[in-house]
Amino acid sequence: MSDCLFCKINEGSIPAEKLYDDNEVFAIKDINPQAPVHFLIIPKKHFSTILEVKEADHEMIGSIYSVANQLAKKSGLDQTGFRVVLNCGAEAGQSVFHIHYHLLGGRVLKWPPG
């Protein structure tokens, strides 16, 4: 999608340090972190919201959790705890309409969020 921030990062027209990158998924640091560790895990395929994900995409979505586990372990969050969040729609806090998962940790996270 030509005007999508995450699509532009993926294609390289907007620079970003990728923490992880494979054929289906990439991860970057959030530019407005809400915790000491705040990464975004983003599928390369464009989905505006999770409501667009089809059964054929389930394996790719599952790989996002594998990436989250890898990044959590690499950051030491596997020892203390972390949260993985996906927002769907403006009222849920989604501000970029390309699905992305937030990996948060490094501090005590309150419940309920927001």
PDB file of N, CA and C in Angstrom:
ATOM      1  N   MET A   1       0.857  -1.173   0.000  1.00  0.00           N
ATOM      2  CA  MET A   1       0.000   0.000   0.000  1.00  0.00           C
ATOM      3  C   MET A   1       0.898   1.229   0.000  1.00  0.00           C
ATOM      4  N   SER A   2       0.707   2.113  -0.934  1.00  0.00           N
ATOM      5  CA  SER A   2       1.649   3.195  -1.189  1.00  0.00           C
ATOM      6  C   SER A   2       1.766   4.231  -0.073  1.00  0.00           C
ATOM      7  N   ASP A   3       0.713   4.466   0.704  1.00  0.00           N
ATOM      8  CA  ASP A   3       0.779   5.485   1.744  1.00  0.00           C
ATOM      9  C   ASP A   3       0.935   4.915   3.151  1.00  0.00           C
ATOM     10  N   CYS A   4       1.231   3.649   3.267  1.00  0.00           N
ATOM     11  CA  CYS A   4       1.333   2.983   4.564  1.00  0.00           C
ATOM     12  C   CYS A   4       2.748   3.106   5.135  1.00  0.00           C
ATOM     13  N   LEU A   5       2.839   3.622   6.347  1.00  0.00           N
ATOM     14  CA  LEU A   5       4.121   3.792   7.022  1.00  0.00           C
ATOM     15  C   LEU A   5       4.908   2.485   7.097  1.00  0.00           C
ATOM     16  N   PHE A   6       4.266   1.411   7.547  1.00  0.00           N
ATOM     17  CA  PHE A   6       4.987   0.153   7.730  1.00  0.00           C
ATOM     18  C   PHE A   6       5.362  -0.487   6.393  1.00  0.00           C
ATOM     19  N   CYS A   7       4.530  -0.324   5.376  1.00  0.00           N
ATOM     20  CA  CYS A   7       4.909  -0.815   4.042  1.00  0.00           C
ATOM     21  C   CYS A   7       6.136  -0.070   3.535  1.00  0.00           C
ATOM     22  N   LYS A   8       6.196   1.243   3.796  1.00  0.00           N
ATOM     23  CA  LYS A   8       7.352   2.043   3.372  1.00  0.00           C
ATOM     24  C   LYS A   8       8.610   1.631   4.128  1.00  0.00           C
ATOM     25  N   ILE A   9       8.479   1.347   5.410  1.00  0.00           N
ATOM     26  CA  ILE A   9       9.635   0.865   6.180  1.00  0.00           C
ATOM     27  C   ILE A   9      10.092  -0.476   5.619  1.00  0.00           C
ATOM     28  N   ASN A  10       9.157  -1.363   5.354  1.00  0.00           N
ATOM     29  CA  ASN A  10       9.502  -2.676   4.825  1.00  0.00           C
ATOM     30  C   ASN A  10      10.244  -2.574   3.493  1.00  0.00           C
ATOM     31  N   GLU A  11       9.780  -1.703   2.598  1.00  0.00           N
ATOM     32  CA  GLU A  11      10.410  -1.566   1.281  1.00  0.00           C
ATOM     33  C   GLU A  11      11.693  -0.748   1.319  1.00  0.00           C
ATOM     34  N   GLY A  12      11.982  -0.085   2.451  1.00  0.00           N
ATOM     35  CA  GLY A  12      13.220   0.659   2.599  1.00  0.00           C
ATOM     36  C   GLY A  12      13.137   2.130   2.243  1.00  0.00           C
ATOM     37  N   SER A  13      11.962   2.631   1.877  1.00  0.00           N
ATOM     38  CA  SER A  13      11.864   4.053   1.527  1.00  0.00           C
ATOM     39  C   SER A  13      11.815   4.947   2.777  1.00  0.00           C
ATOM     40  N   ILE A  14      11.498   4.372   3.919  1.00  0.00           N
ATOM     41  CA  ILE A  14      11.642   5.047   5.212  1.00  0.00           C
ATOM     42  C   ILE A  14      12.623   4.207   6.015  1.00  0.00           C
ATOM     43  N   PRO A  15      13.731   4.816   6.446  1.00  0.00           N
ATOM     44  CA  PRO A  15      14.741   4.035   7.170  1.00  0.00           C
ATOM     45  C   PRO A  15      14.283   3.649   8.573  1.00  0.00           C
ATOM     46  N   ALA A  16      14.665   2.453   8.969  1.00  0.00           N
ATOM     47  CA  ALA A  16      14.418   1.962  10.327  1.00  0.00           C
ATOM     48  C   ALA A  16      15.391   0.826  10.589  1.00  0.00           C
ATOM     49  N   GLU A  17      15.850   0.727  11.812  1.00  0.00           N
ATOM     50  CA  GLU A  17      16.709  -0.383  12.209  1.00  0.00           C
ATOM     51  C   GLU A  17      15.827  -1.590  12.473  1.00  0.00           C
ATOM     52  N   LYS A  18      15.984  -2.606  11.657  1.00  0.00           N
ATOM     53  CA  LYS A  18      15.192  -3.815  11.839  1.00  0.00           C
ATOM     54  C   LYS A  18      15.886  -4.728  12.846  1.00  0.00           C
ATOM     55  N   LEU A  19      15.150  -5.110  13.874  1.00  0.00           N
ATOM     56  CA  LEU A  19      15.656  -6.024  14.894  1.00  0.00           C
ATOM     57  C   LEU A  19      15.521  -7.465  14.443  1.00  0.00           C
ATOM     58  N   TYR A  20      14.590  -7.683  13.523  1.00  0.00           N
ATOM     59  CA  TYR A  20      14.319  -9.007  12.975  1.00  0.00           C
ATOM     60  C   TYR A  20      13.761  -8.793  11.575  1.00  0.00           C
ATOM     61  N   ASP A  21      14.097  -9.712  10.669  1.00  0.00           N
ATOM     62  CA  ASP A  21      13.606  -9.595   9.295  1.00  0.00           C
ATOM     63  C   ASP A  21      13.679 -10.960   8.629  1.00  0.00           C
ATOM     64  N   ASP A  22      12.535 -11.442   8.133  1.00  0.00           N
ATOM     65  CA  ASP A  22      12.519 -12.655   7.326  1.00  0.00           C
ATOM     66  C   ASP A  22      11.561 -12.433   6.160  1.00  0.00           C
ATOM     67  N   ASN A  23      11.135 -13.471   5.499  1.00  0.00           N
ATOM     68  CA  ASN A  23      10.277 -13.323   4.319  1.00  0.00           C
ATOM     69  C   ASN A  23       8.879 -12.818   4.635  1.00  0.00           C
ATOM     70  N   GLU A  24       8.420 -13.006   5.867  1.00  0.00           N
ATOM     71  CA  GLU A  24       7.031 -12.672   6.204  1.00  0.00           C
ATOM     72  C   GLU A  24       6.854 -11.576   7.239  1.00  0.00           C
ATOM     73  N   VAL A  25       7.862 -11.370   8.085  1.00  0.00           N
ATOM     74  CA  VAL A  25       7.713 -10.532   9.270  1.00  0.00           C
ATOM     75  C   VAL A  25       8.983  -9.723   9.493  1.00  0.00           C
ATOM     76  N   PHE A  26       8.821  -8.509  10.037  1.00  0.00           N
ATOM     77  CA  PHE A  26       9.983  -7.764  10.516  1.00  0.00           C
ATOM     78  C   PHE A  26       9.631  -7.117  11.850  1.00  0.00           C
ATOM     79  N   ALA A  27      10.652  -6.692  12.577  1.00  0.00           N
ATOM     80  CA  ALA A  27      10.450  -6.059  13.877  1.00  0.00           C
ATOM     81  C   ALA A  27      11.352  -4.842  13.985  1.00  0.00           C
ATOM     82  N   ILE A  28      10.820  -3.803  14.625  1.00  0.00           N
ATOM     83  CA  ILE A  28      11.554  -2.559  14.846  1.00  0.00           C
ATOM     84  C   ILE A  28      11.277  -2.076  16.265  1.00  0.00           C
ATOM     85  N   LYS A  29      12.077  -1.109  16.729  1.00  0.00           N
ATOM     86  CA  LYS A  29      11.791  -0.449  17.996  1.00  0.00           C
ATOM     87  C   LYS A  29      10.676   0.562  17.770  1.00  0.00           C
ATOM     88  N   ASP A  30       9.779   0.684  18.735  1.00  0.00           N
ATOM     89  CA  ASP A  30       8.726   1.694  18.659  1.00  0.00           C
ATOM     90  C   ASP A  30       9.360   3.074  18.847  1.00  0.00           C
ATOM     91  N   ILE A  31       8.963   4.052  18.022  1.00  0.00           N
ATOM     92  CA  ILE A  31       9.553   5.392  18.131  1.00  0.00           C
ATOM     93  C   ILE A  31       8.960   6.187  19.298  1.00  0.00           C
ATOM     94  N   ASN A  32       7.882   5.692  19.893  1.00  0.00           N
ATOM     95  CA  ASN A  32       7.268   6.325  21.055  1.00  0.00           C
ATOM     96  C   ASN A  32       7.063   5.251  22.134  1.00  0.00           C
ATOM     97  N   PRO A  33       8.167   4.754  22.704  1.00  0.00           N
ATOM     98  CA  PRO A  33       8.057   3.594  23.602  1.00  0.00           C
ATOM     99  C   PRO A  33       7.229   3.874  24.847  1.00  0.00           C
ATOM    100  N   GLN A  34       6.417   2.868  25.205  1.00  0.00           N
ATOM    101  CA  GLN A  34       5.573   2.938  26.384  1.00  0.00           C
ATOM    102  C   GLN A  34       6.114   2.076  27.523  1.00  0.00           C
ATOM    103  N   ALA A  35       7.269   1.508  27.313  1.00  0.00           N
ATOM    104  CA  ALA A  35       7.953   0.688  28.314  1.00  0.00           C
ATOM    105  C   ALA A  35       9.434   0.704  27.951  1.00  0.00           C
ATOM    106  N   PRO A  36      10.307   0.326  28.888  1.00  0.00           N
ATOM    107  CA  PRO A  36      11.738   0.294  28.563  1.00  0.00           C
ATOM    108  C   PRO A  36      12.058  -0.564  27.338  1.00  0.00           C
ATOM    109  N   VAL A  37      11.320  -1.654  27.169  1.00  0.00           N
ATOM    110  CA  VAL A  37      11.424  -2.460  25.951  1.00  0.00           C
ATOM    111  C   VAL A  37      10.083  -2.349  25.249  1.00  0.00           C
ATOM    112  N   HIS A  38      10.106  -1.844  24.020  1.00  0.00           N
ATOM    113  CA  HIS A  38       8.875  -1.705  23.243  1.00  0.00           C
ATOM    114  C   HIS A  38       9.218  -1.899  21.771  1.00  0.00           C
ATOM    115  N   PHE A  39       8.931  -3.096  21.281  1.00  0.00           N
ATOM    116  CA  PHE A  39       9.191  -3.439  19.889  1.00  0.00           C
ATOM    117  C   PHE A  39       7.865  -3.608  19.152  1.00  0.00           C
ATOM    118  N   LEU A  40       7.902  -3.390  17.853  1.00  0.00           N
ATOM    119  CA  LEU A  40       6.758  -3.661  16.993  1.00  0.00           C
ATOM    120  C   LEU A  40       7.106  -4.827  16.092  1.00  0.00           C
ATOM    121  N   ILE A  41       6.229  -5.796  16.017  1.00  0.00           N
ATOM    122  CA  ILE A  41       6.406  -6.960  15.146  1.00  0.00           C
ATOM    123  C   ILE A  41       5.335  -6.838  14.071  1.00  0.00           C
ATOM    124  N   ILE A  42       5.774  -6.802  12.813  1.00  0.00           N
ATOM    125  CA  ILE A  42       4.902  -6.378  11.724  1.00  0.00           C
ATOM    126  C   ILE A  42       4.945  -7.388  10.583  1.00  0.00           C
ATOM    127  N   PRO A  43       3.788  -7.870  10.149  1.00  0.00           N
ATOM    128  CA  PRO A  43       3.791  -8.719   8.958  1.00  0.00           C
ATOM    129  C   PRO A  43       4.087  -7.876   7.721  1.00  0.00           C
ATOM    130  N   LYS A  44       4.801  -8.442   6.771  1.00  0.00           N
ATOM    131  CA  LYS A  44       5.099  -7.721   5.539  1.00  0.00           C
ATOM    132  C   LYS A  44       3.866  -7.584   4.658  1.00  0.00           C
ATOM    133  N   LYS A  45       2.973  -8.553   4.729  1.00  0.00           N
ATOM    134  CA  LYS A  45       1.723  -8.465   3.987  1.00  0.00           C
ATOM    135  C   LYS A  45       0.854  -7.409   4.659  1.00  0.00           C
ATOM    136  N   HIS A  46       0.257  -6.534   3.862  1.00  0.00           N
ATOM    137  CA  HIS A  46      -0.551  -5.456   4.414  1.00  0.00           C
ATOM    138  C   HIS A  46      -1.958  -5.956   4.780  1.00  0.00           C
ATOM    139  N   PHE A  47      -2.288  -5.743   6.052  1.00  0.00           N
ATOM    140  CA  PHE A  47      -3.645  -5.935   6.565  1.00  0.00           C
ATOM    141  C   PHE A  47      -3.957  -4.648   7.319  1.00  0.00           C
ATOM    142  N   SER A  48      -5.024  -3.981   6.991  1.00  0.00           N
ATOM    143  CA  SER A  48      -5.365  -2.751   7.718  1.00  0.00           C
ATOM    144  C   SER A  48      -5.701  -3.053   9.177  1.00  0.00           C
ATOM    145  N   THR A  49      -6.474  -4.109   9.402  1.00  0.00           N
ATOM    146  CA  THR A  49      -6.802  -4.540  10.767  1.00  0.00           C
ATOM    147  C   THR A  49      -6.781  -6.071  10.802  1.00  0.00           C
ATOM    148  N   ILE A  50      -6.835  -6.614  11.993  1.00  0.00           N
ATOM    149  CA  ILE A  50      -6.849  -8.068  12.167  1.00  0.00           C
ATOM    150  C   ILE A  50      -8.089  -8.684  11.514  1.00  0.00           C
ATOM    151  N   LEU A  51      -9.123  -7.889  11.299  1.00  0.00           N
ATOM    152  CA  LEU A  51     -10.341  -8.392  10.679  1.00  0.00           C
ATOM    153  C   LEU A  51     -10.129  -8.829   9.234  1.00  0.00           C
ATOM    154  N   GLU A  52      -9.031  -8.425   8.613  1.00  0.00           N
ATOM    155  CA  GLU A  52      -8.720  -8.812   7.236  1.00  0.00           C
ATOM    156  C   GLU A  52      -7.933 -10.112   7.136  1.00  0.00           C
ATOM    157  N   VAL A  53      -7.477 -10.637   8.261  1.00  0.00           N
ATOM    158  CA  VAL A  53      -6.686 -11.864   8.259  1.00  0.00           C
ATOM    159  C   VAL A  53      -7.595 -13.051   7.930  1.00  0.00           C
ATOM    160  N   LYS A  54      -7.160 -13.867   6.992  1.00  0.00           N
ATOM    161  CA  LYS A  54      -7.915 -15.045   6.553  1.00  0.00           C
ATOM    162  C   LYS A  54      -7.240 -16.317   7.066  1.00  0.00           C
ATOM    163  N   GLU A  55      -7.919 -17.430   6.921  1.00  0.00           N
ATOM    164  CA  GLU A  55      -7.367 -18.706   7.376  1.00  0.00           C
ATOM    165  C   GLU A  55      -6.020 -18.998   6.727  1.00  0.00           C
ATOM    166  N   ALA A  56      -5.841 -18.623   5.486  1.00  0.00           N
ATOM    167  CA  ALA A  56      -4.574 -18.862   4.786  1.00  0.00           C
ATOM    168  C   ALA A  56      -3.411 -18.090   5.415  1.00  0.00           C
ATOM    169  N   ASP A  57      -3.710 -17.092   6.232  1.00  0.00           N
ATOM    170  CA  ASP A  57      -2.675 -16.269   6.872  1.00  0.00           C
ATOM    171  C   ASP A  57      -2.312 -16.755   8.271  1.00  0.00           C
ATOM    172  N   HIS A  58      -2.977 -17.782   8.766  1.00  0.00           N
ATOM    173  CA  HIS A  58      -2.787 -18.207  10.156  1.00  0.00           C
ATOM    174  C   HIS A  58      -1.346 -18.613  10.461  1.00  0.00           C
ATOM    175  N   GLU A  59      -0.681 -19.293   9.547  1.00  0.00           N
ATOM    176  CA  GLU A  59       0.704 -19.701   9.801  1.00  0.00           C
ATOM    177  C   GLU A  59       1.611 -18.484   9.957  1.00  0.00           C
ATOM    178  N   MET A  60       1.413 -17.490   9.107  1.00  0.00           N
ATOM    179  CA  MET A  60       2.210 -16.262   9.204  1.00  0.00           C
ATOM    180  C   MET A  60       1.940 -15.553  10.527  1.00  0.00           C
ATOM    181  N   ILE A  61       0.679 -15.484  10.935  1.00  0.00           N
ATOM    182  CA  ILE A  61       0.351 -14.850  12.210  1.00  0.00           C
ATOM    183  C   ILE A  61       0.998 -15.627  13.357  1.00  0.00           C
ATOM    184  N   GLY A  62       1.003 -16.939  13.272  1.00  0.00           N
ATOM    185  CA  GLY A  62       1.675 -17.753  14.289  1.00  0.00           C
ATOM    186  C   GLY A  62       3.158 -17.461  14.369  1.00  0.00           C
ATOM    187  N   SER A  63       3.785 -17.178  13.241  1.00  0.00           N
ATOM    188  CA  SER A  63       5.220 -16.888  13.241  1.00  0.00           C
ATOM    189  C   SER A  63       5.519 -15.589  13.988  1.00  0.00           C
ATOM    190  N   ILE A  64       4.543 -14.699  14.057  1.00  0.00           N
ATOM    191  CA  ILE A  64       4.738 -13.453  14.811  1.00  0.00           C
ATOM    192  C   ILE A  64       5.013 -13.773  16.277  1.00  0.00           C
ATOM    193  N   TYR A  65       4.329 -14.779  16.805  1.00  0.00           N
ATOM    194  CA  TYR A  65       4.551 -15.151  18.205  1.00  0.00           C
ATOM    195  C   TYR A  65       5.915 -15.806  18.402  1.00  0.00           C
ATOM    196  N   SER A  66       6.402 -16.504  17.413  1.00  0.00           N
ATOM    197  CA  SER A  66       7.766 -17.042  17.486  1.00  0.00           C
ATOM    198  C   SER A  66       8.787 -15.915  17.514  1.00  0.00           C
ATOM    199  N   VAL A  67       8.555 -14.896  16.705  1.00  0.00           N
ATOM    200  CA  VAL A  67       9.444 -13.727  16.704  1.00  0.00           C
ATOM    201  C   VAL A  67       9.367 -13.023  18.056  1.00  0.00           C
ATOM    202  N   ALA A  68       8.160 -12.876  18.601  1.00  0.00           N
ATOM    203  CA  ALA A  68       8.011 -12.256  19.915  1.00  0.00           C
ATOM    204  C   ALA A  68       8.806 -13.024  20.967  1.00  0.00           C
ATOM    205  N   ASN A  69       8.734 -14.356  20.931  1.00  0.00           N
ATOM    206  CA  ASN A  69       9.493 -15.172  21.882  1.00  0.00           C
ATOM    207  C   ASN A  69      10.993 -14.938  21.724  1.00  0.00           C
ATOM    208  N   GLN A  70      11.468 -14.929  20.491  1.00  0.00           N
ATOM    209  CA  GLN A  70      12.899 -14.704  20.233  1.00  0.00           C
ATOM    210  C   GLN A  70      13.345 -13.341  20.767  1.00  0.00           C
ATOM    211  N   LEU A  71      12.576 -12.297  20.462  1.00  0.00           N
ATOM    212  CA  LEU A  71      12.950 -10.952  20.906  1.00  0.00           C
ATOM    213  C   LEU A  71      12.854 -10.823  22.421  1.00  0.00           C
ATOM    214  N   ALA A  72      11.851 -11.451  23.029  1.00  0.00           N
ATOM    215  CA  ALA A  72      11.718 -11.411  24.482  1.00  0.00           C
ATOM    216  C   ALA A  72      12.923 -12.074  25.151  1.00  0.00           C
ATOM    217  N   LYS A  73      13.319 -13.228  24.647  1.00  0.00           N
ATOM    218  CA  LYS A  73      14.480 -13.928  25.207  1.00  0.00           C
ATOM    219  C   LYS A  73      15.751 -13.118  25.006  1.00  0.00           C
ATOM    220  N   LYS A  74      15.926 -12.554  23.830  1.00  0.00           N
ATOM    221  CA  LYS A  74      17.122 -11.759  23.523  1.00  0.00           C
ATOM    222  C   LYS A  74      17.210 -10.525  24.428  1.00  0.00           C
ATOM    223  N   SER A  75      16.051 -10.000  24.840  1.00  0.00           N
ATOM    224  CA  SER A  75      16.006  -8.809  25.687  1.00  0.00           C
ATOM    225  C   SER A  75      15.947  -9.134  27.173  1.00  0.00           C
ATOM    226  N   GLY A  76      15.927 -10.414  27.530  1.00  0.00           N
ATOM    227  CA  GLY A  76      15.855 -10.828  28.921  1.00  0.00           C
ATOM    228  C   GLY A  76      14.455 -10.761  29.512  1.00  0.00           C
ATOM    229  N   LEU A  77      13.461 -10.492  28.695  1.00  0.00           N
ATOM    230  CA  LEU A  77      12.095 -10.390  29.200  1.00  0.00           C
ATOM    231  C   LEU A  77      11.497 -11.735  29.572  1.00  0.00           C
ATOM    232  N   ASP A  78      12.082 -12.810  29.061  1.00  0.00           N
ATOM    233  CA  ASP A  78      11.592 -14.146  29.424  1.00  0.00           C
ATOM    234  C   ASP A  78      11.794 -14.420  30.911  1.00  0.00           C
ATOM    235  N   GLN A  79      12.683 -13.677  31.543  1.00  0.00           N
ATOM    236  CA  GLN A  79      12.958 -13.859  32.972  1.00  0.00           C
ATOM    237  C   GLN A  79      12.028 -13.026  33.858  1.00  0.00           C
ATOM    238  N   THR A  80      11.458 -11.957  33.306  1.00  0.00           N
ATOM    239  CA  THR A  80      10.677 -11.029  34.131  1.00  0.00           C
ATOM    240  C   THR A  80       9.218 -10.906  33.711  1.00  0.00           C
ATOM    241  N   GLY A  81       8.932 -11.155  32.454  1.00  0.00           N
ATOM    242  CA  GLY A  81       7.569 -11.034  31.949  1.00  0.00           C
ATOM    243  C   GLY A  81       7.459  -9.963  30.879  1.00  0.00           C
ATOM    244  N   PHE A  82       6.463 -10.133  30.045  1.00  0.00           N
ATOM    245  CA  PHE A  82       6.231  -9.185  28.956  1.00  0.00           C
ATOM    246  C   PHE A  82       4.800  -9.320  28.484  1.00  0.00           C
ATOM    247  N   ARG A  83       4.404  -8.401  27.623  1.00  0.00           N
ATOM    248  CA  ARG A  83       3.049  -8.392  27.076  1.00  0.00           C
ATOM    249  C   ARG A  83       3.153  -8.251  25.563  1.00  0.00           C
ATOM    250  N   VAL A  84       2.253  -8.942  24.847  1.00  0.00           N
ATOM    251  CA  VAL A  84       2.113  -8.795  23.403  1.00  0.00           C
ATOM    252  C   VAL A  84       0.703  -8.262  23.165  1.00  0.00           C
ATOM    253  N   VAL A  85       0.608  -7.129  22.446  1.00  0.00           N
ATOM    254  CA  VAL A  85      -0.668  -6.441  22.262  1.00  0.00           C
ATOM    255  C   VAL A  85      -0.902  -6.177  20.784  1.00  0.00           C
ATOM    256  N   LEU A  86      -2.139  -6.377  20.350  1.00  0.00           N
ATOM    257  CA  LEU A  86      -2.582  -6.010  19.009  1.00  0.00           C
ATOM    258  C   LEU A  86      -3.836  -5.159  19.167  1.00  0.00           C
ATOM    259  N   ASN A  87      -3.806  -3.937  18.661  1.00  0.00           N
ATOM    260  CA  ASN A  87      -4.970  -3.054  18.702  1.00  0.00           C
ATOM    261  C   ASN A  87      -5.723  -3.170  17.386  1.00  0.00           C
ATOM    262  N   CYS A  88      -7.046  -3.141  17.450  1.00  0.00           N
ATOM    263  CA  CYS A  88      -7.876  -3.230  16.253  1.00  0.00           C
ATOM    264  C   CYS A  88      -8.879  -2.084  16.253  1.00  0.00           C
ATOM    265  N   GLY A  89      -8.614  -1.080  15.450  1.00  0.00           N
ATOM    266  CA  GLY A  89      -9.505   0.060  15.320  1.00  0.00           C
ATOM    267  C   GLY A  89      -9.074   1.239  16.179  1.00  0.00           C
ATOM    268  N   ALA A  90      -9.536   2.420  15.788  1.00  0.00           N
ATOM    269  CA  ALA A  90      -9.136   3.659  16.449  1.00  0.00           C
ATOM    270  C   ALA A  90      -9.484   3.680  17.936  1.00  0.00           C
ATOM    271  N   GLU A  91     -10.661   3.199  18.311  1.00  0.00           N
ATOM    272  CA  GLU A  91     -11.048   3.231  19.721  1.00  0.00           C
ATOM    273  C   GLU A  91     -10.225   2.278  20.575  1.00  0.00           C
ATOM    274  N   ALA A  92      -9.587   1.311  19.954  1.00  0.00           N
ATOM    275  CA  ALA A  92      -8.706   0.391  20.674  1.00  0.00           C
ATOM    276  C   ALA A  92      -7.272   0.921  20.733  1.00  0.00           C
ATOM    277  N   GLY A  93      -7.008   2.042  20.061  1.00  0.00           N
ATOM    278  CA  GLY A  93      -5.679   2.639  20.095  1.00  0.00           C
ATOM    279  C   GLY A  93      -4.859   2.412  18.840  1.00  0.00           C
ATOM    280  N   GLN A  94      -5.438   1.810  17.802  1.00  0.00           N
ATOM    281  CA  GLN A  94      -4.676   1.595  16.567  1.00  0.00           C
ATOM    282  C   GLN A  94      -4.510   2.935  15.860  1.00  0.00           C
ATOM    283  N   SER A  95      -3.267   3.326  15.621  1.00  0.00           N
ATOM    284  CA  SER A  95      -2.995   4.600  14.955  1.00  0.00           C
ATOM    285  C   SER A  95      -2.385   4.410  13.572  1.00  0.00           C
ATOM    286  N   VAL A  96      -1.759   3.267  13.331  1.00  0.00           N
ATOM    287  CA  VAL A  96      -1.254   2.933  11.995  1.00  0.00           C
ATOM    288  C   VAL A  96      -2.086   1.750  11.515  1.00  0.00           C
ATOM    289  N   PHE A  97      -2.747   1.920  10.394  1.00  0.00           N
ATOM    290  CA  PHE A  97      -3.661   0.885   9.924  1.00  0.00           C
ATOM    291  C   PHE A  97      -2.955  -0.105   8.997  1.00  0.00           C
ATOM    292  N   HIS A  98      -2.013  -0.789   9.602  1.00  0.00           N
ATOM    293  CA  HIS A  98      -1.294  -1.968   9.096  1.00  0.00           C
ATOM    294  C   HIS A  98      -1.051  -2.749  10.378  1.00  0.00           C
ATOM    295  N   ILE A  99      -1.608  -3.944  10.493  1.00  0.00           N
ATOM    296  CA  ILE A  99      -1.530  -4.621  11.790  1.00  0.00           C
ATOM    297  C   ILE A  99      -0.085  -4.738  12.256  1.00  0.00           C
ATOM    298  N   HIS A 100       0.066  -4.611  13.554  1.00  0.00           N
ATOM    299  CA  HIS A 100       1.376  -4.715  14.182  1.00  0.00           C
ATOM    300  C   HIS A 100       1.167  -5.090  15.646  1.00  0.00           C
ATOM    301  N   TYR A 101       2.070  -5.861  16.136  1.00  0.00           N
ATOM    302  CA  TYR A 101       2.010  -6.372  17.501  1.00  0.00           C
ATOM    303  C   TYR A 101       3.052  -5.644  18.334  1.00  0.00           C
ATOM    304  N   HIS A 102       2.643  -5.168  19.496  1.00  0.00           N
ATOM    305  CA  HIS A 102       3.533  -4.488  20.424  1.00  0.00           C
ATOM    306  C   HIS A 102       4.071  -5.519  21.408  1.00  0.00           C
ATOM    307  N   LEU A 103       5.374  -5.585  21.543  1.00  0.00           N
ATOM    308  CA  LEU A 103       6.035  -6.388  22.571  1.00  0.00           C
ATOM    309  C   LEU A 103       6.539  -5.405  23.613  1.00  0.00           C
ATOM    310  N   LEU A 104       5.994  -5.484  24.816  1.00  0.00           N
ATOM    311  CA  LEU A 104       6.293  -4.529  25.880  1.00  0.00           C
ATOM    312  C   LEU A 104       6.841  -5.233  27.105  1.00  0.00           C
ATOM    313  N   GLY A 105       7.825  -4.630  27.733  1.00  0.00           N
ATOM    314  CA  GLY A 105       8.360  -5.188  28.960  1.00  0.00           C
ATOM    315  C   GLY A 105       9.418  -4.283  29.561  1.00  0.00           C
ATOM    316  N   GLY A 106      10.034  -4.780  30.612  1.00  0.00           N
ATOM    317  CA  GLY A 106      11.084  -4.026  31.278  1.00  0.00           C
ATOM    318  C   GLY A 106      10.583  -3.183  32.439  1.00  0.00           C
ATOM    319  N   ARG A 107       9.296  -3.268  32.732  1.00  0.00           N
ATOM    320  CA  ARG A 107       8.704  -2.603  33.898  1.00  0.00           C
ATOM    321  C   ARG A 107       7.436  -3.370  34.261  1.00  0.00           C
ATOM    322  N   VAL A 108       6.881  -3.077  35.422  1.00  0.00           N
ATOM    323  CA  VAL A 108       5.617  -3.695  35.817  1.00  0.00           C
ATOM    324  C   VAL A 108       4.528  -3.107  34.936  1.00  0.00           C
ATOM    325  N   LEU A 109       3.763  -3.979  34.298  1.00  0.00           N
ATOM    326  CA  LEU A 109       2.672  -3.553  33.423  1.00  0.00           C
ATOM    327  C   LEU A 109       1.358  -3.713  34.187  1.00  0.00           C
ATOM    328  N   LYS A 110       0.589  -2.665  34.250  1.00  0.00           N
ATOM    329  CA  LYS A 110      -0.668  -2.663  35.019  1.00  0.00           C
ATOM    330  C   LYS A 110      -1.785  -3.345  34.246  1.00  0.00           C
ATOM    331  N   TRP A 111      -2.805  -3.791  34.977  1.00  0.00           N
ATOM    332  CA  TRP A 111      -4.009  -4.350  34.365  1.00  0.00           C
ATOM    333  C   TRP A 111      -5.220  -3.762  35.081  1.00  0.00           C
ATOM    334  N   PRO A 112      -6.217  -3.341  34.407  1.00  0.00           N
ATOM    335  CA  PRO A 112      -6.358  -3.380  32.961  1.00  0.00           C
ATOM    336  C   PRO A 112      -5.542  -2.278  32.302  1.00  0.00           C
ATOM    337  N   PRO A 113      -5.117  -2.510  31.052  1.00  0.00           N
ATOM    338  CA  PRO A 113      -4.363  -1.476  30.339  1.00  0.00           C
ATOM    339  C   PRO A 113      -5.295  -0.342  29.927  1.00  0.00           C
ATOM    340  N   GLY A 114      -4.732   0.847  29.720  1.00  0.00           N
ATOM    341  CA  GLY A 114      -5.469   2.003  29.191  1.00  0.00           C
ATOM    342  C   GLY A 114      -6.739   2.189  29.860  1.00  0.00           C
TER     343      GLY A 114
END
